[in-house]
Amino acid sequence: MKPAIAIALALLVAVGLSRPALAQSAPYANPQFAAALSAALRSFYTRDFAAALAKFQACLAIDPGEPLALAFENATLLHIDPLRLQALAAKEEADAARAPRNALAQTRLGFTDLFLAQSDSSRADDARAALDEAIAVDPQAVAAHVGLGIYRYGLDERSRAKAELLAALAADPHDVLAREYLSSIYQKDLQDPNRALDYLIDVPNVVPQYADAFYHLGSIFDDLGQYDAAVRYLRTAIDMDSGHVGEAGQDGLPLLGRIYLKIHHVEDAKRAFAEAVVFGEEPEFSQSQLDKIKRGLIK
């Protein structure tokens, strides 16, 4: 497989895009942070969660409030053992209680509570309270705005989520996680794939091992009817997410199959749906499409 960065750059030329490149700001311009993040993502997407955790924590040692690393630290702990995430929350609660006017302490607690809320809905209000407190202390707290944006997004409060994410970008125009969620809002809720593309197109150049970003770009290019680009982004995302952990590894193959059918590559679609059945990606839909192809109902 070609390096992801090379594929991303080739696609920019192939689809005729002329958008200016997203500048790399701190911490992504820091070679140590960038190397640790790339290694962490590779480990995460191959299910080497112990190694991923150590590397995400190395990222946070360099920049303790970087939103993408914070999110992945929590996601990795959930995969290792949810009790480890609860232990982290207990430590962060103690840190925040000792320093209630410390925006970073409140932000880190807020992110952890967001992930705990996936299994305990009562933690969602705790997350909001911690993130609100962080912003009250520091209105420019990028990660706190991103966290609140994710919280509002989860409640389907898209306008309020958008406002928080834009506030994050006002403080740091390069934040990857804010760009990803804004792109999703524009694509799915506002039905504006061109604007969605503007927010996300350069993210793989900044974080070349971020499989989910490639997956979302494949979906956006599908909406734009640029199917060759969609296929190439999706294939890259699927190859990266070999452990079937992220969105590419859970939903990528059925989407790829749909796109192949649109361009009448039926044998490629057949292979994609067959793989989707094996890996449990939309298994009922994928099996039904596979059966139709085998019976000659789709040509």
Protein backbone atom coordinates (compact mmCIF):
# COMPACT_ATOMS: atom_id res chain seq x y z
CA MET A 1 0.00 0.00 0.00
CA LYS A 2 1.29 3.47 -0.83
CA PRO A 3 1.90 5.77 2.13
CA ALA A 4 -1.37 7.46 3.03
CA ILE A 5 0.11 10.91 2.60
CA ALA A 6 1.11 10.16 -0.98
CA ILE A 7 -2.36 8.89 -1.81
CA ALA A 8 -3.98 11.97 -0.30
CA LEU A 9 -1.76 14.30 -2.31
CA ALA A 10 -2.36 12.32 -5.50
CA LEU A 11 -6.09 12.55 -4.98
CA LEU A 12 -5.94 16.31 -4.62
CA VAL A 13 -4.46 16.50 -8.09
CA ALA A 14 -6.66 13.77 -9.55
CA VAL A 15 -9.96 15.42 -8.63
CA GLY A 16 -8.82 18.87 -9.64
CA LEU A 17 -8.96 20.52 -6.22
CA SER A 18 -7.17 23.82 -5.74
CA ARG A 19 -7.86 24.49 -2.08
CA PRO A 20 -4.92 25.86 -0.08
CA ALA A 21 -3.20 23.33 2.14
CA LEU A 22 -4.12 23.29 5.80
CA ALA A 23 -1.14 24.71 7.63
CA GLN A 24 0.37 22.57 10.35
CA SER A 25 0.21 24.38 13.65
CA ALA A 26 1.46 23.20 17.01
CA PRO A 27 1.40 20.42 18.00
CA TYR A 28 1.27 18.83 14.55
CA ALA A 29 4.30 20.80 13.40
CA ASN A 30 6.23 19.25 16.30
CA PRO A 31 8.03 16.20 14.81
CA GLN A 32 7.94 14.32 18.12
CA PHE A 33 4.20 14.80 18.53
CA ALA A 34 3.48 13.94 14.88
CA ALA A 35 5.58 10.77 15.04
CA ALA A 36 3.99 9.64 18.32
CA LEU A 37 0.47 10.30 16.98
CA SER A 38 1.10 8.40 13.74
CA ALA A 39 2.52 5.44 15.66
CA ALA A 40 -0.38 5.55 18.13
CA LEU A 41 -2.99 5.50 15.36
CA ARG A 42 -1.27 2.62 13.56
CA SER A 43 -1.31 0.61 16.80
CA PHE A 44 -4.94 1.53 17.53
CA TYR A 45 -6.22 0.50 14.11
CA THR A 46 -4.38 -2.84 14.33
CA ARG A 47 -5.81 -3.50 17.83
CA ASP A 48 -2.49 -3.23 19.60
CA PHE A 49 -4.21 -1.20 22.28
CA ALA A 50 -1.48 -1.39 24.92
CA ALA A 51 1.04 0.14 22.53
CA ALA A 52 -1.53 2.66 21.32
CA LEU A 53 -2.25 3.83 24.86
CA ALA A 54 1.42 4.40 25.63
CA LYS A 55 1.84 6.40 22.43
CA PHE A 56 -1.28 8.51 22.88
CA GLN A 57 -0.08 9.29 26.39
CA ALA A 58 3.27 10.29 24.89
CA CYS A 59 1.35 12.75 22.70
CA LEU A 60 -0.41 14.14 25.74
CA ALA A 61 2.88 14.52 27.56
CA ILE A 62 3.84 16.95 24.78
CA ASP A 63 0.43 18.67 24.53
CA PRO A 64 -1.85 17.69 27.46
CA GLY A 65 -4.95 19.26 25.93
CA GLU A 66 -4.80 18.14 22.30
CA PRO A 67 -8.39 17.03 21.49
CA LEU A 68 -7.67 14.15 19.08
CA ALA A 69 -5.14 12.54 21.42
CA LEU A 70 -7.50 13.04 24.38
CA ALA A 71 -10.34 11.35 22.52
CA PHE A 72 -8.21 8.42 21.41
CA GLU A 73 -6.69 7.94 24.87
CA ASN A 74 -10.22 7.45 26.21
CA ALA A 75 -11.30 5.25 23.31
CA THR A 76 -8.23 3.05 23.77
CA LEU A 77 -8.88 2.63 27.49
CA LEU A 78 -12.44 1.55 26.70
CA HIS A 79 -11.09 -1.16 24.41
CA ILE A 80 -8.56 -2.33 26.99
CA ASP A 81 -10.90 -2.38 29.99
CA PRO A 82 -13.73 0.03 30.86
CA LEU A 83 -12.58 -0.13 34.48
CA ARG A 84 -9.35 1.54 33.41
CA LEU A 85 -11.38 4.44 32.03
CA GLN A 86 -13.33 4.68 35.28
CA ALA A 87 -10.04 4.77 37.19
CA LEU A 88 -8.83 7.60 34.96
CA ALA A 89 -12.08 9.49 35.63
CA ALA A 90 -11.60 9.08 39.39
CA LYS A 91 -8.08 10.51 39.14
CA GLU A 92 -9.25 13.39 36.97
CA GLU A 93 -12.14 14.14 39.36
CA ALA A 94 -9.63 14.43 42.18
CA ASP A 95 -7.37 16.67 40.05
CA ALA A 96 -10.30 18.92 39.13
CA ALA A 97 -11.46 19.12 42.74
CA ARG A 98 -7.98 20.20 43.85
CA ALA A 99 -7.81 22.82 41.09
CA PRO A 100 -11.38 23.82 40.18
CA ARG A 101 -10.16 26.85 38.21
CA ASN A 102 -7.76 24.80 36.09
CA ALA A 103 -9.22 24.70 32.57
CA LEU A 104 -7.07 21.77 31.46
CA ALA A 105 -8.05 19.62 34.45
CA GLN A 106 -11.73 20.31 33.79
CA THR A 107 -11.33 19.62 30.07
CA ARG A 108 -9.62 16.27 30.57
CA LEU A 109 -12.34 15.23 33.02
CA GLY A 110 -15.00 16.38 30.55
CA PHE A 111 -13.58 14.25 27.75
CA THR A 112 -13.39 11.17 29.96
CA ASP A 113 -16.97 11.68 31.13
CA LEU A 114 -18.08 11.91 27.49
CA PHE A 115 -16.72 8.43 26.87
CA LEU A 116 -18.12 7.03 30.12
CA ALA A 117 -21.51 8.41 29.05
CA GLN A 118 -21.59 5.79 26.29
CA SER A 119 -22.49 3.22 28.97
CA ASP A 120 -23.72 5.52 31.75
CA SER A 121 -25.89 8.34 30.47
CA SER A 122 -25.66 10.21 33.77
CA ARG A 123 -22.04 11.02 32.98
CA ALA A 124 -23.11 13.19 30.05
CA ASP A 125 -24.28 15.98 32.37
CA ASP A 126 -21.02 15.66 34.31
CA ALA A 127 -19.11 16.07 31.05
CA ARG A 128 -21.06 19.19 30.13
CA ALA A 129 -20.53 20.71 33.57
CA ALA A 130 -16.78 20.12 33.47
CA LEU A 131 -16.43 21.50 29.94
CA ASP A 132 -18.58 24.53 30.77
CA GLU A 133 -16.34 25.22 33.75
CA ALA A 134 -13.23 24.97 31.57
CA ILE A 135 -14.63 27.56 29.16
CA ALA A 136 -15.67 29.83 32.03
CA VAL A 137 -12.06 29.80 33.18
CA ASP A 138 -10.58 30.06 29.67
CA PRO A 139 -12.94 31.08 26.84
CA GLN A 140 -10.20 30.15 24.34
CA ALA A 141 -9.94 26.55 25.60
CA VAL A 142 -10.00 24.76 22.25
CA ALA A 143 -10.44 21.22 23.56
CA ALA A 144 -13.30 22.27 25.86
CA HIS A 145 -15.18 23.81 22.91
CA VAL A 146 -14.53 20.66 20.87
CA GLY A 147 -15.78 18.50 23.73
CA LEU A 148 -18.95 20.56 24.09
CA GLY A 149 -19.43 20.37 20.34
CA ILE A 150 -19.25 16.57 20.54
CA TYR A 151 -21.65 16.61 23.51
CA ARG A 152 -24.18 18.75 21.59
CA TYR A 153 -23.67 16.61 18.46
CA GLY A 154 -24.56 13.53 20.48
CA LEU A 155 -27.80 15.20 21.57
CA ASP A 156 -28.64 16.04 17.93
CA GLU A 157 -28.34 19.72 18.80
CA ARG A 158 -26.56 20.43 15.56
CA SER A 159 -26.75 24.24 15.61
CA ARG A 160 -25.32 24.42 19.11
CA ALA A 161 -22.70 21.82 18.25
CA LYS A 162 -21.71 23.84 15.21
CA ALA A 163 -21.36 27.00 17.32
CA GLU A 164 -18.99 25.25 19.75
CA LEU A 165 -16.90 23.72 16.97
CA LEU A 166 -16.61 27.08 15.21
CA ALA A 167 -15.52 28.60 18.52
CA ALA A 168 -12.80 25.96 18.69
CA LEU A 169 -11.63 26.83 15.18
CA ALA A 170 -11.68 30.53 16.01
CA ALA A 171 -9.12 29.77 18.70
CA ASP A 172 -7.21 27.21 16.60
CA PRO A 173 -8.12 27.12 12.88
CA HIS A 174 -6.24 23.84 12.45
CA ASP A 175 -7.91 21.62 15.05
CA VAL A 176 -8.48 18.24 13.44
CA LEU A 177 -11.37 16.98 15.56
CA ALA A 178 -13.34 20.23 15.20
CA ARG A 179 -12.88 20.06 11.44
CA GLU A 180 -14.04 16.44 11.34
CA TYR A 181 -17.26 17.11 13.26
CA LEU A 182 -18.03 20.28 11.31
CA SER A 183 -17.53 18.34 8.10
CA SER A 184 -20.01 15.73 9.31
CA ILE A 185 -22.59 18.41 10.16
CA TYR A 186 -22.29 19.99 6.72
CA GLN A 187 -22.42 16.65 4.92
CA LYS A 188 -25.18 14.87 6.82
CA ASP A 189 -27.34 17.61 8.29
CA LEU A 190 -26.89 20.59 6.00
CA GLN A 191 -26.57 18.51 2.83
CA ASP A 192 -23.59 20.55 1.68
CA PRO A 193 -20.82 18.10 0.72
CA ASN A 194 -18.68 20.81 -0.88
CA ARG A 195 -18.49 22.71 2.42
CA ALA A 196 -17.91 19.43 4.24
CA LEU A 197 -14.99 18.77 1.91
CA ASP A 198 -13.51 22.19 2.63
CA TYR A 199 -13.24 21.35 6.32
CA LEU A 200 -11.83 17.83 5.91
CA ILE A 201 -9.84 17.61 2.69
CA ASP A 202 -6.45 18.46 4.17
CA VAL A 203 -6.77 16.55 7.42
CA PRO A 204 -5.01 13.45 6.02
CA ASN A 205 -2.05 15.66 5.14
CA VAL A 206 -1.82 16.69 8.79
CA VAL A 207 -2.66 13.29 10.34
CA PRO A 208 -1.81 10.73 7.62
CA GLN A 209 -2.68 7.67 9.72
CA TYR A 210 -6.18 8.83 10.65
CA ALA A 211 -8.29 6.17 8.93
CA ASP A 212 -11.62 7.71 9.92
CA ALA A 213 -10.77 10.91 8.05
CA PHE A 214 -10.12 8.92 4.86
CA TYR A 215 -13.42 7.10 5.37
CA HIS A 216 -15.38 10.34 5.70
CA LEU A 217 -13.67 11.78 2.63
CA GLY A 218 -14.68 8.69 0.67
CA SER A 219 -18.27 9.24 1.77
CA ILE A 220 -18.14 12.93 0.82
CA PHE A 221 -16.75 12.18 -2.65
CA ASP A 222 -19.54 9.62 -3.07
CA ASP A 223 -22.07 12.39 -2.34
CA LEU A 224 -20.30 14.60 -4.87
CA GLY A 225 -20.50 11.88 -7.53
CA GLN A 226 -16.71 11.66 -7.77
CA TYR A 227 -16.69 7.91 -7.50
CA ASP A 228 -13.08 7.15 -8.45
CA ALA A 229 -11.85 9.43 -5.68
CA ALA A 230 -14.40 7.93 -3.28
CA VAL A 231 -13.16 4.41 -4.00
CA ARG A 232 -9.53 5.35 -3.53
CA TYR A 233 -10.12 7.11 -0.22
CA LEU A 234 -12.27 4.25 1.05
CA ARG A 235 -9.78 1.58 0.03
CA THR A 236 -7.06 3.51 1.85
CA ALA A 237 -9.24 3.81 4.97
CA ILE A 238 -10.17 0.11 4.93
CA ASP A 239 -6.54 -0.95 4.50
CA MET A 240 -5.48 1.28 7.40
CA ASP A 241 -8.23 0.02 9.72
CA SER A 242 -7.20 -3.62 9.44
CA GLY A 243 -8.37 -4.30 12.99
CA HIS A 244 -11.92 -3.18 12.16
CA VAL A 245 -11.95 -0.71 15.03
CA GLY A 246 -13.01 2.61 13.51
CA GLU A 247 -15.66 3.69 11.06
CA ALA A 248 -13.78 2.42 8.02
CA GLY A 249 -13.44 -1.01 9.60
CA GLN A 250 -17.09 -1.16 10.62
CA ASP A 251 -18.91 0.52 7.71
CA GLY A 252 -16.36 0.94 4.92
CA LEU A 253 -16.94 -2.24 2.91
CA PRO A 254 -20.73 -1.86 2.47
CA LEU A 255 -20.24 1.75 1.35
CA LEU A 256 -17.52 0.64 -1.04
CA GLY A 257 -19.86 -2.02 -2.43
CA ARG A 258 -22.60 0.57 -3.01
CA ILE A 259 -20.20 2.82 -4.90
CA TYR A 260 -18.93 -0.04 -7.07
CA LEU A 261 -22.53 -0.75 -8.06
CA LYS A 262 -23.02 2.88 -9.05
CA ILE A 263 -20.13 2.62 -11.50
CA HIS A 264 -21.19 -0.88 -12.63
CA HIS A 265 -18.16 -2.70 -11.20
CA VAL A 266 -20.29 -5.63 -10.13
CA GLU A 267 -17.47 -8.10 -9.43
CA ASP A 268 -15.72 -5.54 -7.23
CA ALA A 269 -19.00 -4.91 -5.43
CA LYS A 270 -19.46 -8.64 -4.95
CA ARG A 271 -16.05 -8.91 -3.30
CA ALA A 272 -16.72 -5.90 -1.08
CA PHE A 273 -20.07 -7.23 0.13
CA ALA A 274 -18.61 -10.71 0.68
CA GLU A 275 -15.85 -9.22 2.85
CA ALA A 276 -18.44 -7.13 4.68
CA VAL A 277 -20.36 -10.30 5.60
CA VAL A 278 -17.19 -11.95 6.88
CA PHE A 279 -16.32 -8.97 9.09
CA GLY A 280 -19.88 -8.25 10.22
CA GLU A 281 -20.26 -4.87 8.52
CA GLU A 282 -23.99 -4.24 7.93
CA PRO A 283 -24.25 -8.03 7.56
CA GLU A 284 -27.93 -8.29 6.64
CA PHE A 285 -27.74 -5.59 3.98
CA SER A 286 -24.41 -6.87 2.66
CA GLN A 287 -25.70 -10.44 2.44
CA SER A 288 -28.85 -9.31 0.63
CA GLN A 289 -26.80 -7.38 -1.93
CA LEU A 290 -24.47 -10.33 -2.36
CA ASP A 291 -27.40 -12.68 -2.93
CA LYS A 292 -28.89 -10.34 -5.55
CA ILE A 293 -25.59 -10.22 -7.42
CA LYS A 294 -25.23 -13.99 -7.33
CA ARG A 295 -28.78 -14.43 -8.66
CA GLY A 296 -28.10 -11.99 -11.48
CA LEU A 297 -30.58 -9.43 -10.17
CA ILE A 298 -27.88 -6.77 -10.13
CA LYS A 299 -25.78 -6.37 -13.26
